[in-house]
Amino acid sequence: MRLTKFGHACVRIQKDDRTLVIDPGAFTPEADALAGADAVLITHEHPDHFDADRLRKALADDPSLEVWTSRVVARSLADLGGRVHEVGHGDAVTVAGFDVHVYGEDHEILHPDVPPIPNVGFLVDGEVFHPGDALTVPGEPVPTLCLPGNAPWLKVPEMYSYVREVRPERAFVVHDGLLNDFGLNVMMNHVTTAGKEAGKDFRRLTPGESVELGSS
């Protein structure tokens, strides 16, 4: 299995001749982020994770492309019929030949007086977990964590606590599109420290960089 990072929160997962893309939002500048995708997973409706125009164009260009997502995003794409699938916490689905388990219900709190929106995380083939905008701990081991590195809803101590609770074998940073070079350096100092404390491989892939995972 190969994991490729794109800008901000977007990753591509490839196995054999199949490809999943997770959260190709408006903060993902790569024009080819959806190229060759067999399916798209969207964690929630915020535009840095869900670019409706980009996704609709990809669906129009490839009639076989399908989407699995939260209830709000699914309803916004309801006119596309059976090509869009609503999923929620506890679901287990087969997506383009990948086994996908769904964990999480709510986005992290952004405003003390506003209820959180729906957010679902995806564990792909028991290997890669992408939590979206939540610090969800799946009810099963997570070998590879897509680790949120920076967000209005995230504090550094929460990041340390999250990786300690999930205990991944490796973690690769996502959700870093709001940072300049100074901020990236500060974030990576903390991510590297968390990895050293755990004795594991925690780091940031640069956009376009790939890593091979597992035995498949």
N, C-alpha and C. Protein backbone atom coordinates (compact mmCIF):
# COMPACT_ATOMS: atom_id res chain seq x y z
N MET A 1 0.84 -1.20 0.00
CA MET A 1 0.00 0.00 0.00
C MET A 1 0.88 1.24 0.00
N ARG A 2 0.48 2.24 -0.75
CA ARG A 2 1.23 3.49 -0.84
C ARG A 2 0.35 4.64 -0.37
N LEU A 3 0.92 5.49 0.49
CA LEU A 3 0.26 6.71 0.96
C LEU A 3 0.99 7.91 0.38
N THR A 4 0.24 8.81 -0.25
CA THR A 4 0.81 10.04 -0.80
C THR A 4 0.11 11.22 -0.17
N LYS A 5 0.90 12.18 0.30
CA LYS A 5 0.33 13.41 0.86
C LYS A 5 0.16 14.45 -0.23
N PHE A 6 -0.98 15.12 -0.20
CA PHE A 6 -1.21 16.31 -1.01
C PHE A 6 -1.34 17.50 -0.05
N GLY A 7 -1.65 18.67 -0.60
CA GLY A 7 -1.74 19.85 0.22
C GLY A 7 -2.81 19.76 1.29
N HIS A 8 -2.50 20.31 2.46
CA HIS A 8 -3.39 20.41 3.62
C HIS A 8 -3.83 19.04 4.11
N ALA A 9 -5.11 18.70 4.00
CA ALA A 9 -5.64 17.49 4.64
C ALA A 9 -5.82 16.32 3.68
N CYS A 10 -5.40 16.46 2.45
CA CYS A 10 -5.68 15.46 1.42
C CYS A 10 -4.57 14.41 1.34
N VAL A 11 -5.00 13.13 1.27
CA VAL A 11 -4.06 12.04 1.03
C VAL A 11 -4.64 11.11 -0.03
N ARG A 12 -3.73 10.41 -0.71
CA ARG A 12 -4.11 9.37 -1.67
C ARG A 12 -3.58 8.05 -1.15
N ILE A 13 -4.41 7.00 -1.21
CA ILE A 13 -4.03 5.66 -0.81
C ILE A 13 -4.19 4.75 -2.01
N GLN A 14 -3.10 4.03 -2.34
CA GLN A 14 -3.10 3.16 -3.51
C GLN A 14 -2.72 1.75 -3.10
N LYS A 15 -3.41 0.78 -3.68
CA LYS A 15 -3.09 -0.63 -3.49
C LYS A 15 -3.41 -1.35 -4.78
N ASP A 16 -2.41 -2.07 -5.31
CA ASP A 16 -2.56 -2.72 -6.60
C ASP A 16 -2.97 -1.66 -7.63
N ASP A 17 -4.12 -1.83 -8.27
CA ASP A 17 -4.56 -0.86 -9.28
C ASP A 17 -5.71 0.01 -8.79
N ARG A 18 -5.88 0.09 -7.46
CA ARG A 18 -7.01 0.83 -6.89
C ARG A 18 -6.53 2.04 -6.11
N THR A 19 -7.34 3.10 -6.15
CA THR A 19 -6.93 4.37 -5.53
C THR A 19 -8.09 5.02 -4.81
N LEU A 20 -7.83 5.38 -3.54
CA LEU A 20 -8.76 6.20 -2.76
C LEU A 20 -8.13 7.57 -2.55
N VAL A 21 -8.96 8.61 -2.56
CA VAL A 21 -8.52 9.95 -2.20
C VAL A 21 -9.40 10.44 -1.05
N ILE A 22 -8.74 10.97 -0.01
CA ILE A 22 -9.47 11.46 1.16
C ILE A 22 -9.31 12.97 1.27
N ASP A 23 -10.42 13.68 1.39
CA ASP A 23 -10.48 15.12 1.69
C ASP A 23 -9.71 16.03 0.72
N PRO A 24 -10.04 15.96 -0.57
CA PRO A 24 -9.44 16.89 -1.53
C PRO A 24 -10.18 18.23 -1.51
N GLY A 25 -9.84 19.07 -0.55
CA GLY A 25 -10.57 20.32 -0.36
C GLY A 25 -9.95 21.51 -1.05
N ALA A 26 -10.48 22.68 -0.75
CA ALA A 26 -10.06 23.91 -1.41
C ALA A 26 -8.65 24.34 -1.04
N PHE A 27 -8.11 23.81 0.08
CA PHE A 27 -6.75 24.15 0.48
C PHE A 27 -5.73 23.18 -0.12
N THR A 28 -6.20 22.27 -0.96
CA THR A 28 -5.33 21.33 -1.65
C THR A 28 -5.11 21.85 -3.07
N PRO A 29 -3.93 22.44 -3.36
CA PRO A 29 -3.76 23.14 -4.63
C PRO A 29 -3.48 22.23 -5.82
N GLU A 30 -3.11 20.97 -5.57
CA GLU A 30 -2.69 20.11 -6.68
C GLU A 30 -3.87 19.82 -7.61
N ALA A 31 -3.73 20.19 -8.87
CA ALA A 31 -4.81 19.99 -9.84
C ALA A 31 -5.09 18.51 -10.09
N ASP A 32 -4.10 17.65 -9.85
CA ASP A 32 -4.26 16.23 -10.13
C ASP A 32 -4.59 15.41 -8.89
N ALA A 33 -5.06 16.07 -7.83
CA ALA A 33 -5.32 15.34 -6.58
C ALA A 33 -6.32 14.20 -6.77
N LEU A 34 -7.29 14.38 -7.66
CA LEU A 34 -8.31 13.36 -7.88
C LEU A 34 -8.04 12.50 -9.11
N ALA A 35 -6.93 12.71 -9.77
CA ALA A 35 -6.63 11.96 -10.99
C ALA A 35 -6.49 10.47 -10.68
N GLY A 36 -7.22 9.66 -11.41
CA GLY A 36 -7.12 8.22 -11.25
C GLY A 36 -7.84 7.64 -10.06
N ALA A 37 -8.59 8.46 -9.33
CA ALA A 37 -9.28 7.95 -8.14
C ALA A 37 -10.42 7.01 -8.52
N ASP A 38 -10.54 5.92 -7.77
CA ASP A 38 -11.68 5.03 -7.91
C ASP A 38 -12.81 5.42 -6.97
N ALA A 39 -12.45 6.09 -5.86
CA ALA A 39 -13.45 6.53 -4.89
C ALA A 39 -12.86 7.67 -4.08
N VAL A 40 -13.77 8.47 -3.50
CA VAL A 40 -13.38 9.62 -2.68
C VAL A 40 -14.07 9.49 -1.33
N LEU A 41 -13.32 9.74 -0.27
CA LEU A 41 -13.85 9.78 1.08
C LEU A 41 -13.76 11.21 1.59
N ILE A 42 -14.86 11.75 2.12
CA ILE A 42 -14.90 13.11 2.64
C ILE A 42 -15.33 13.05 4.10
N THR A 43 -14.50 13.62 4.98
CA THR A 43 -14.79 13.52 6.41
C THR A 43 -15.89 14.46 6.88
N HIS A 44 -15.97 15.67 6.27
CA HIS A 44 -16.99 16.63 6.71
C HIS A 44 -17.07 17.77 5.71
N GLU A 45 -17.96 18.71 5.98
CA GLU A 45 -18.36 19.69 4.97
C GLU A 45 -17.49 20.93 4.85
N HIS A 46 -16.56 21.16 5.75
CA HIS A 46 -15.76 22.38 5.68
C HIS A 46 -14.96 22.44 4.37
N PRO A 47 -14.85 23.62 3.78
CA PRO A 47 -14.28 23.71 2.43
C PRO A 47 -12.81 23.29 2.32
N ASP A 48 -12.06 23.31 3.42
CA ASP A 48 -10.68 22.84 3.31
C ASP A 48 -10.61 21.32 3.18
N HIS A 49 -11.77 20.65 3.35
CA HIS A 49 -11.85 19.20 3.18
C HIS A 49 -12.78 18.80 2.03
N PHE A 50 -13.72 19.65 1.71
CA PHE A 50 -14.75 19.33 0.72
C PHE A 50 -14.91 20.51 -0.22
N ASP A 51 -14.41 20.35 -1.45
CA ASP A 51 -14.56 21.34 -2.50
C ASP A 51 -15.62 20.82 -3.46
N ALA A 52 -16.84 21.30 -3.30
CA ALA A 52 -17.98 20.75 -4.05
C ALA A 52 -17.78 20.87 -5.55
N ASP A 53 -17.29 22.01 -6.01
CA ASP A 53 -17.13 22.20 -7.46
C ASP A 53 -16.09 21.24 -8.02
N ARG A 54 -14.97 21.10 -7.31
CA ARG A 54 -13.92 20.18 -7.78
C ARG A 54 -14.44 18.75 -7.81
N LEU A 55 -15.15 18.36 -6.76
CA LEU A 55 -15.64 16.98 -6.68
C LEU A 55 -16.70 16.72 -7.75
N ARG A 56 -17.60 17.67 -7.94
CA ARG A 56 -18.63 17.48 -8.97
C ARG A 56 -18.01 17.36 -10.37
N LYS A 57 -16.97 18.12 -10.63
CA LYS A 57 -16.30 18.02 -11.94
C LYS A 57 -15.66 16.65 -12.11
N ALA A 58 -15.02 16.16 -11.05
CA ALA A 58 -14.41 14.84 -11.13
C ALA A 58 -15.45 13.76 -11.37
N LEU A 59 -16.59 13.89 -10.70
CA LEU A 59 -17.67 12.93 -10.90
C LEU A 59 -18.25 13.00 -12.31
N ALA A 60 -18.33 14.21 -12.85
CA ALA A 60 -18.82 14.36 -14.22
C ALA A 60 -17.83 13.78 -15.23
N ASP A 61 -16.54 13.94 -14.94
CA ASP A 61 -15.51 13.44 -15.86
C ASP A 61 -15.38 11.92 -15.82
N ASP A 62 -15.70 11.30 -14.68
CA ASP A 62 -15.55 9.86 -14.52
C ASP A 62 -16.85 9.28 -13.97
N PRO A 63 -17.69 8.73 -14.82
CA PRO A 63 -19.00 8.21 -14.38
C PRO A 63 -18.91 7.06 -13.39
N SER A 64 -17.74 6.43 -13.24
CA SER A 64 -17.60 5.32 -12.30
C SER A 64 -17.15 5.77 -10.91
N LEU A 65 -16.77 7.03 -10.76
CA LEU A 65 -16.29 7.54 -9.48
C LEU A 65 -17.44 7.65 -8.48
N GLU A 66 -17.18 7.23 -7.22
CA GLU A 66 -18.19 7.30 -6.18
C GLU A 66 -17.61 7.95 -4.93
N VAL A 67 -18.51 8.37 -4.02
CA VAL A 67 -18.13 9.12 -2.83
C VAL A 67 -18.76 8.49 -1.60
N TRP A 68 -17.99 8.43 -0.50
CA TRP A 68 -18.49 8.02 0.81
C TRP A 68 -18.21 9.16 1.78
N THR A 69 -19.23 9.57 2.55
CA THR A 69 -19.06 10.80 3.32
C THR A 69 -20.08 10.93 4.45
N SER A 70 -19.97 12.02 5.18
CA SER A 70 -20.89 12.33 6.28
C SER A 70 -22.27 12.67 5.74
N ARG A 71 -23.24 12.70 6.65
CA ARG A 71 -24.62 12.91 6.20
C ARG A 71 -24.84 14.28 5.57
N VAL A 72 -24.17 15.33 6.08
CA VAL A 72 -24.38 16.67 5.54
C VAL A 72 -23.83 16.76 4.12
N VAL A 73 -22.62 16.25 3.91
CA VAL A 73 -22.05 16.28 2.56
C VAL A 73 -22.87 15.41 1.62
N ALA A 74 -23.29 14.24 2.09
CA ALA A 74 -24.09 13.37 1.23
C ALA A 74 -25.38 14.04 0.80
N ARG A 75 -26.00 14.77 1.71
CA ARG A 75 -27.25 15.46 1.34
C ARG A 75 -27.00 16.58 0.35
N SER A 76 -25.86 17.23 0.45
CA SER A 76 -25.56 18.32 -0.48
C SER A 76 -25.28 17.78 -1.89
N LEU A 77 -24.98 16.49 -1.98
CA LEU A 77 -24.72 15.85 -3.28
C LEU A 77 -25.83 14.87 -3.66
N ALA A 78 -26.99 15.03 -3.04
CA ALA A 78 -28.07 14.06 -3.21
C ALA A 78 -28.54 13.92 -4.65
N ASP A 79 -28.37 14.98 -5.43
CA ASP A 79 -28.80 14.93 -6.83
C ASP A 79 -27.99 13.93 -7.65
N LEU A 80 -26.86 13.46 -7.10
CA LEU A 80 -26.02 12.49 -7.81
C LEU A 80 -26.46 11.06 -7.55
N GLY A 81 -27.48 10.90 -6.75
CA GLY A 81 -28.09 9.59 -6.56
C GLY A 81 -27.17 8.58 -5.89
N GLY A 82 -27.17 7.34 -6.42
CA GLY A 82 -26.47 6.23 -5.81
C GLY A 82 -24.96 6.29 -5.86
N ARG A 83 -24.41 7.31 -6.48
CA ARG A 83 -22.95 7.45 -6.52
C ARG A 83 -22.40 8.06 -5.24
N VAL A 84 -23.29 8.56 -4.37
CA VAL A 84 -22.87 9.18 -3.11
C VAL A 84 -23.47 8.37 -1.96
N HIS A 85 -22.62 7.97 -1.01
CA HIS A 85 -23.01 7.08 0.06
C HIS A 85 -22.79 7.74 1.41
N GLU A 86 -23.84 7.82 2.21
CA GLU A 86 -23.73 8.37 3.56
C GLU A 86 -23.25 7.28 4.51
N VAL A 87 -22.24 7.62 5.33
CA VAL A 87 -21.75 6.68 6.32
C VAL A 87 -21.66 7.37 7.68
N GLY A 88 -21.64 6.55 8.74
CA GLY A 88 -21.54 7.08 10.08
C GLY A 88 -20.76 6.15 10.98
N HIS A 89 -20.56 6.60 12.20
CA HIS A 89 -19.76 5.86 13.17
C HIS A 89 -20.22 4.40 13.29
N GLY A 90 -19.27 3.49 13.21
CA GLY A 90 -19.56 2.07 13.34
C GLY A 90 -19.79 1.35 12.03
N ASP A 91 -19.93 2.08 10.93
CA ASP A 91 -20.13 1.44 9.64
C ASP A 91 -18.84 0.76 9.17
N ALA A 92 -19.01 -0.34 8.45
CA ALA A 92 -17.91 -1.03 7.79
C ALA A 92 -18.34 -1.28 6.35
N VAL A 93 -17.61 -0.72 5.42
CA VAL A 93 -18.01 -0.77 4.01
C VAL A 93 -16.82 -1.16 3.15
N THR A 94 -17.11 -1.68 1.99
CA THR A 94 -16.08 -1.96 1.00
C THR A 94 -16.13 -0.86 -0.05
N VAL A 95 -15.01 -0.19 -0.23
CA VAL A 95 -14.93 0.96 -1.13
C VAL A 95 -13.83 0.70 -2.13
N ALA A 96 -14.20 0.46 -3.38
CA ALA A 96 -13.22 0.23 -4.46
C ALA A 96 -12.22 -0.85 -4.08
N GLY A 97 -12.68 -1.88 -3.38
CA GLY A 97 -11.81 -2.98 -3.00
C GLY A 97 -11.07 -2.79 -1.69
N PHE A 98 -11.22 -1.63 -1.05
CA PHE A 98 -10.64 -1.38 0.27
C PHE A 98 -11.69 -1.64 1.35
N ASP A 99 -11.25 -2.19 2.48
CA ASP A 99 -12.13 -2.30 3.64
C ASP A 99 -12.02 -1.00 4.44
N VAL A 100 -13.15 -0.34 4.63
CA VAL A 100 -13.15 0.95 5.31
C VAL A 100 -14.06 0.87 6.53
N HIS A 101 -13.48 1.14 7.70
CA HIS A 101 -14.25 1.24 8.94
C HIS A 101 -14.37 2.71 9.31
N VAL A 102 -15.57 3.09 9.72
CA VAL A 102 -15.89 4.49 9.98
C VAL A 102 -15.94 4.73 11.49
N TYR A 103 -15.20 5.75 11.94
CA TYR A 103 -15.16 6.08 13.37
C TYR A 103 -15.35 7.58 13.56
N GLY A 104 -16.09 7.94 14.60
CA GLY A 104 -16.27 9.35 14.95
C GLY A 104 -17.61 9.89 14.51
N GLU A 105 -18.05 10.91 15.25
CA GLU A 105 -19.35 11.51 14.96
C GLU A 105 -19.29 13.02 14.81
N ASP A 106 -18.45 13.69 15.60
CA ASP A 106 -18.48 15.15 15.66
C ASP A 106 -17.11 15.77 15.37
N HIS A 107 -17.16 16.92 14.73
CA HIS A 107 -16.01 17.81 14.57
C HIS A 107 -15.59 18.32 15.96
N GLU A 108 -14.30 18.61 16.14
CA GLU A 108 -13.88 19.24 17.38
C GLU A 108 -14.55 20.62 17.54
N ILE A 109 -14.68 21.07 18.77
CA ILE A 109 -15.38 22.32 19.05
C ILE A 109 -14.63 23.51 18.47
N LEU A 110 -15.35 24.35 17.74
CA LEU A 110 -14.79 25.57 17.16
C LEU A 110 -15.29 26.83 17.85
N HIS A 111 -16.49 26.75 18.46
CA HIS A 111 -17.09 27.91 19.12
C HIS A 111 -17.85 27.40 20.34
N PRO A 112 -17.69 28.01 21.49
CA PRO A 112 -18.31 27.47 22.70
C PRO A 112 -19.83 27.43 22.67
N ASP A 113 -20.45 28.23 21.80
CA ASP A 113 -21.91 28.30 21.76
C ASP A 113 -22.52 27.62 20.54
N VAL A 114 -21.69 27.01 19.72
CA VAL A 114 -22.18 26.41 18.47
C VAL A 114 -21.96 24.90 18.52
N PRO A 115 -23.02 24.11 18.35
CA PRO A 115 -22.86 22.65 18.36
C PRO A 115 -21.93 22.20 17.23
N PRO A 116 -21.17 21.14 17.44
CA PRO A 116 -20.26 20.67 16.39
C PRO A 116 -21.01 20.07 15.21
N ILE A 117 -20.40 20.17 14.05
CA ILE A 117 -20.96 19.55 12.85
C ILE A 117 -20.54 18.09 12.80
N PRO A 118 -21.19 17.28 11.96
CA PRO A 118 -20.77 15.88 11.83
C PRO A 118 -19.38 15.77 11.21
N ASN A 119 -18.62 14.80 11.67
CA ASN A 119 -17.30 14.49 11.14
C ASN A 119 -17.07 13.00 11.30
N VAL A 120 -16.68 12.35 10.22
CA VAL A 120 -16.39 10.91 10.27
C VAL A 120 -14.94 10.67 9.88
N GLY A 121 -14.29 9.75 10.59
CA GLY A 121 -12.94 9.35 10.26
C GLY A 121 -12.96 7.99 9.56
N PHE A 122 -11.92 7.73 8.78
CA PHE A 122 -11.88 6.50 7.97
C PHE A 122 -10.61 5.70 8.26
N LEU A 123 -10.79 4.44 8.65
CA LEU A 123 -9.68 3.51 8.79
C LEU A 123 -9.69 2.59 7.57
N VAL A 124 -8.65 2.68 6.77
CA VAL A 124 -8.60 2.00 5.47
C VAL A 124 -7.74 0.74 5.58
N ASP A 125 -8.36 -0.41 5.27
CA ASP A 125 -7.68 -1.70 5.27
C ASP A 125 -6.97 -1.99 6.59
N GLY A 126 -7.49 -1.48 7.69
CA GLY A 126 -6.86 -1.70 8.98
C GLY A 126 -5.47 -1.13 9.08
N GLU A 127 -5.12 -0.21 8.20
CA GLU A 127 -3.76 0.34 8.15
C GLU A 127 -3.70 1.84 8.38
N VAL A 128 -4.46 2.61 7.62
CA VAL A 128 -4.36 4.07 7.65
C VAL A 128 -5.64 4.67 8.22
N PHE A 129 -5.49 5.51 9.26
CA PHE A 129 -6.65 6.22 9.80
C PHE A 129 -6.52 7.71 9.55
N HIS A 130 -7.54 8.27 8.91
CA HIS A 130 -7.65 9.72 8.69
C HIS A 130 -8.83 10.20 9.52
N PRO A 131 -8.57 11.01 10.57
CA PRO A 131 -9.67 11.39 11.48
C PRO A 131 -10.48 12.59 11.04
N GLY A 132 -10.06 13.28 9.94
CA GLY A 132 -10.72 14.55 9.63
C GLY A 132 -10.40 15.57 10.70
N ASP A 133 -11.38 16.37 11.08
CA ASP A 133 -11.18 17.42 12.09
C ASP A 133 -11.68 16.95 13.44
N ALA A 134 -11.10 15.88 13.93
CA ALA A 134 -11.48 15.33 15.23
C ALA A 134 -10.32 14.51 15.77
N LEU A 135 -10.28 14.38 17.07
CA LEU A 135 -9.26 13.56 17.72
C LEU A 135 -9.89 12.23 18.12
N THR A 136 -10.42 11.55 17.13
CA THR A 136 -11.12 10.29 17.33
C THR A 136 -10.13 9.15 17.54
N VAL A 137 -10.42 8.32 18.52
CA VAL A 137 -9.61 7.13 18.78
C VAL A 137 -10.42 5.92 18.34
N PRO A 138 -10.03 5.25 17.25
CA PRO A 138 -10.79 4.10 16.78
C PRO A 138 -10.75 2.96 17.80
N GLY A 139 -11.73 2.08 17.69
CA GLY A 139 -11.79 0.94 18.59
C GLY A 139 -10.99 -0.24 18.10
N GLU A 140 -9.90 0.01 17.42
CA GLU A 140 -9.00 -1.04 16.94
C GLU A 140 -7.64 -0.41 16.67
N PRO A 141 -6.59 -1.22 16.55
CA PRO A 141 -5.25 -0.67 16.37
C PRO A 141 -5.14 0.18 15.09
N VAL A 142 -4.28 1.20 15.16
CA VAL A 142 -4.03 2.09 14.03
C VAL A 142 -2.53 2.04 13.72
N PRO A 143 -2.11 1.27 12.73
CA PRO A 143 -0.70 1.25 12.38
C PRO A 143 -0.20 2.60 11.87
N THR A 144 -0.99 3.28 11.02
CA THR A 144 -0.57 4.53 10.41
C THR A 144 -1.64 5.60 10.65
N LEU A 145 -1.25 6.67 11.32
CA LEU A 145 -2.17 7.76 11.64
C LEU A 145 -1.87 8.97 10.78
N CYS A 146 -2.90 9.51 10.13
CA CYS A 146 -2.81 10.84 9.52
C CYS A 146 -3.08 11.84 10.65
N LEU A 147 -2.02 12.46 11.12
CA LEU A 147 -2.05 13.25 12.35
C LEU A 147 -2.30 14.72 12.07
N PRO A 148 -3.43 15.28 12.53
CA PRO A 148 -3.63 16.72 12.37
C PRO A 148 -2.51 17.49 13.06
N GLY A 149 -1.85 18.37 12.30
CA GLY A 149 -0.70 19.08 12.83
C GLY A 149 -1.00 20.48 13.32
N ASN A 150 -2.04 21.10 12.77
CA ASN A 150 -2.37 22.48 13.12
C ASN A 150 -3.82 22.75 12.75
N ALA A 151 -4.53 23.43 13.64
CA ALA A 151 -5.92 23.78 13.35
C ALA A 151 -6.41 24.76 14.40
N PRO A 152 -7.44 25.56 14.09
CA PRO A 152 -8.02 26.46 15.10
C PRO A 152 -8.57 25.71 16.31
N TRP A 153 -8.87 24.41 16.13
CA TRP A 153 -9.46 23.61 17.20
C TRP A 153 -8.44 22.75 17.95
N LEU A 154 -7.14 22.92 17.63
CA LEU A 154 -6.13 22.00 18.16
C LEU A 154 -5.04 22.75 18.92
N LYS A 155 -4.73 22.28 20.13
CA LYS A 155 -3.60 22.77 20.90
C LYS A 155 -2.50 21.71 20.91
N VAL A 156 -1.25 22.16 21.05
CA VAL A 156 -0.12 21.23 21.05
C VAL A 156 -0.26 20.14 22.10
N PRO A 157 -0.63 20.44 23.35
CA PRO A 157 -0.78 19.36 24.33
C PRO A 157 -1.82 18.31 23.91
N GLU A 158 -2.84 18.75 23.17
CA GLU A 158 -3.85 17.80 22.70
C GLU A 158 -3.26 16.85 21.66
N MET A 159 -2.35 17.36 20.84
CA MET A 159 -1.68 16.51 19.86
C MET A 159 -0.87 15.42 20.55
N TYR A 160 -0.11 15.81 21.58
CA TYR A 160 0.65 14.81 22.34
C TYR A 160 -0.28 13.76 22.96
N SER A 161 -1.36 14.23 23.57
CA SER A 161 -2.30 13.30 24.21
C SER A 161 -2.93 12.37 23.19
N TYR A 162 -3.21 12.89 22.01
CA TYR A 162 -3.87 12.09 20.97
C TYR A 162 -2.97 10.94 20.52
N VAL A 163 -1.72 11.23 20.19
CA VAL A 163 -0.86 10.14 19.72
C VAL A 163 -0.57 9.14 20.83
N ARG A 164 -0.53 9.62 22.08
CA ARG A 164 -0.33 8.69 23.19
C ARG A 164 -1.52 7.74 23.34
N GLU A 165 -2.72 8.25 23.05
CA GLU A 165 -3.91 7.41 23.19
C GLU A 165 -4.07 6.46 22.00
N VAL A 166 -3.82 6.96 20.79
CA VAL A 166 -3.97 6.11 19.60
C VAL A 166 -2.83 5.10 19.50
N ARG A 167 -1.61 5.52 19.86
CA ARG A 167 -0.42 4.67 19.84
C ARG A 167 -0.15 4.07 18.46
N PRO A 168 -0.07 4.91 17.42
CA PRO A 168 0.22 4.38 16.09
C PRO A 168 1.68 3.95 15.97
N GLU A 169 1.94 3.07 15.02
CA GLU A 169 3.31 2.69 14.72
C GLU A 169 4.04 3.81 13.98
N ARG A 170 3.27 4.57 13.22
CA ARG A 170 3.85 5.71 12.48
C ARG A 170 2.76 6.77 12.33
N ALA A 171 3.17 8.02 12.22
CA ALA A 171 2.21 9.10 12.04
C ALA A 171 2.77 10.09 11.03
N PHE A 172 1.94 10.49 10.10
CA PHE A 172 2.31 11.45 9.08
C PHE A 172 1.35 12.64 9.16
N VAL A 173 1.92 13.82 9.19
CA VAL A 173 1.14 15.04 9.45
C VAL A 173 0.23 15.37 8.28
N VAL A 174 -1.01 15.72 8.61
CA VAL A 174 -1.95 16.35 7.68
C VAL A 174 -2.46 17.61 8.35
N HIS A 175 -3.32 18.32 7.65
CA HIS A 175 -3.95 19.54 8.17
C HIS A 175 -2.90 20.57 8.56
N ASP A 176 -2.06 20.91 7.61
CA ASP A 176 -0.95 21.84 7.85
C ASP A 176 -0.95 23.02 6.89
N GLY A 177 -2.05 23.20 6.16
CA GLY A 177 -2.08 24.21 5.11
C GLY A 177 -2.18 25.64 5.59
N LEU A 178 -2.41 25.85 6.88
CA LEU A 178 -2.50 27.23 7.41
C LEU A 178 -1.15 27.76 7.86
N LEU A 179 -0.10 26.95 7.81
CA LEU A 179 1.18 27.33 8.40
C LEU A 179 2.17 27.84 7.36
N ASN A 180 2.92 28.89 7.74
CA ASN A 180 4.06 29.30 6.93
C ASN A 180 5.28 28.48 7.37
N ASP A 181 6.45 28.81 6.83
CA ASP A 181 7.64 28.01 7.13
C ASP A 181 7.98 28.03 8.62
N PHE A 182 7.80 29.18 9.27
CA PHE A 182 8.10 29.25 10.70
C PHE A 182 7.17 28.32 11.49
N GLY A 183 5.88 28.38 11.16
CA GLY A 183 4.92 27.54 11.85
C GLY A 183 5.15 26.06 11.61
N LEU A 184 5.52 25.70 10.37
CA LEU A 184 5.82 24.30 10.07
C LEU A 184 6.98 23.80 10.91
N ASN A 185 8.01 24.63 11.08
CA ASN A 185 9.16 24.22 11.88
C ASN A 185 8.77 24.00 13.34
N VAL A 186 7.95 24.91 13.89
CA VAL A 186 7.51 24.75 15.27
C VAL A 186 6.68 23.47 15.42
N MET A 187 5.74 23.28 14.50
CA MET A 187 4.90 22.08 14.55
C MET A 187 5.75 20.82 14.48
N MET A 188 6.71 20.79 13.55
CA MET A 188 7.50 19.58 13.36
C MET A 188 8.41 19.31 14.54
N ASN A 189 8.84 20.34 15.25
CA ASN A 189 9.60 20.08 16.48
C ASN A 189 8.77 19.27 17.46
N HIS A 190 7.49 19.63 17.59
CA HIS A 190 6.63 18.90 18.51
C HIS A 190 6.30 17.49 18.00
N VAL A 191 6.03 17.37 16.70
CA VAL A 191 5.73 16.06 16.14
C VAL A 191 6.93 15.13 16.29
N THR A 192 8.12 15.64 16.00
CA THR A 192 9.33 14.84 16.14
C THR A 192 9.55 14.42 17.59
N THR A 193 9.32 15.35 18.51
CA THR A 193 9.47 15.02 19.93
C THR A 193 8.49 13.93 20.35
N ALA A 194 7.25 14.04 19.89
CA ALA A 194 6.25 13.02 20.22
C ALA A 194 6.67 11.66 19.68
N GLY A 195 7.25 11.64 18.47
CA GLY A 195 7.72 10.39 17.90
C GLY A 195 8.89 9.80 18.68
N LYS A 196 9.82 10.66 19.10
CA LYS A 196 10.96 10.17 19.88
C LYS A 196 10.50 9.60 21.21
N GLU A 197 9.54 10.26 21.84
CA GLU A 197 9.02 9.76 23.11
C GLU A 197 8.40 8.38 22.96
N ALA A 198 7.75 8.17 21.82
CA ALA A 198 7.08 6.89 21.58
C ALA A 198 8.01 5.86 20.94
N GLY A 199 9.18 6.30 20.48
CA GLY A 199 10.07 5.40 19.76
C GLY A 199 9.53 4.99 18.41
N LYS A 200 8.77 5.90 17.77
CA LYS A 200 8.10 5.59 16.51
C LYS A 200 8.44 6.65 15.45
N ASP A 201 8.00 6.39 14.23
CA ASP A 201 8.26 7.28 13.10
C ASP A 201 7.12 8.27 12.96
N PHE A 202 7.30 9.48 13.48
CA PHE A 202 6.32 10.56 13.34
C PHE A 202 6.99 11.67 12.54
N ARG A 203 6.37 12.08 11.41
CA ARG A 203 6.99 13.12 10.60
C ARG A 203 5.97 13.70 9.63
N ARG A 204 6.41 14.74 8.95
CA ARG A 204 5.60 15.38 7.91
C ARG A 204 6.14 15.00 6.54
N LEU A 205 5.25 14.53 5.68
CA LEU A 205 5.60 14.34 4.28
C LEU A 205 5.36 15.66 3.56
N THR A 206 6.25 16.02 2.67
CA THR A 206 6.01 17.20 1.85
C THR A 206 4.96 16.85 0.80
N PRO A 207 4.17 17.83 0.35
CA PRO A 207 3.16 17.53 -0.67
C PRO A 207 3.78 16.86 -1.89
N GLY A 208 3.17 15.74 -2.30
CA GLY A 208 3.68 14.95 -3.40
C GLY A 208 4.55 13.78 -2.96
N GLU A 209 4.97 13.75 -1.70
CA GLU A 209 5.83 12.67 -1.20
C GLU A 209 4.99 11.45 -0.85
N SER A 210 5.54 10.27 -1.10
CA SER A 210 4.85 9.00 -0.83
C SER A 210 5.66 8.11 0.08
N VAL A 211 4.97 7.23 0.78
CA VAL A 211 5.61 6.19 1.58
C VAL A 211 4.89 4.86 1.32
N GLU A 212 5.66 3.77 1.41
CA GLU A 212 5.10 2.43 1.28
C GLU A 212 4.74 1.92 2.68
N LEU A 213 3.58 1.29 2.79
CA LEU A 213 3.07 0.83 4.09
C LEU A 213 2.74 -0.65 4.04
N GLY A 214 2.95 -1.33 5.16
CA GLY A 214 2.51 -2.71 5.31
C GLY A 214 3.18 -3.65 4.33
N SER A 215 2.61 -4.81 4.22
CA SER A 215 3.19 -5.86 3.37
C SER A 215 2.54 -5.94 2.02
N SER A 216 1.45 -5.16 1.80
CA SER A 216 0.72 -5.26 0.54
C SER A 216 1.12 -4.15 -0.41
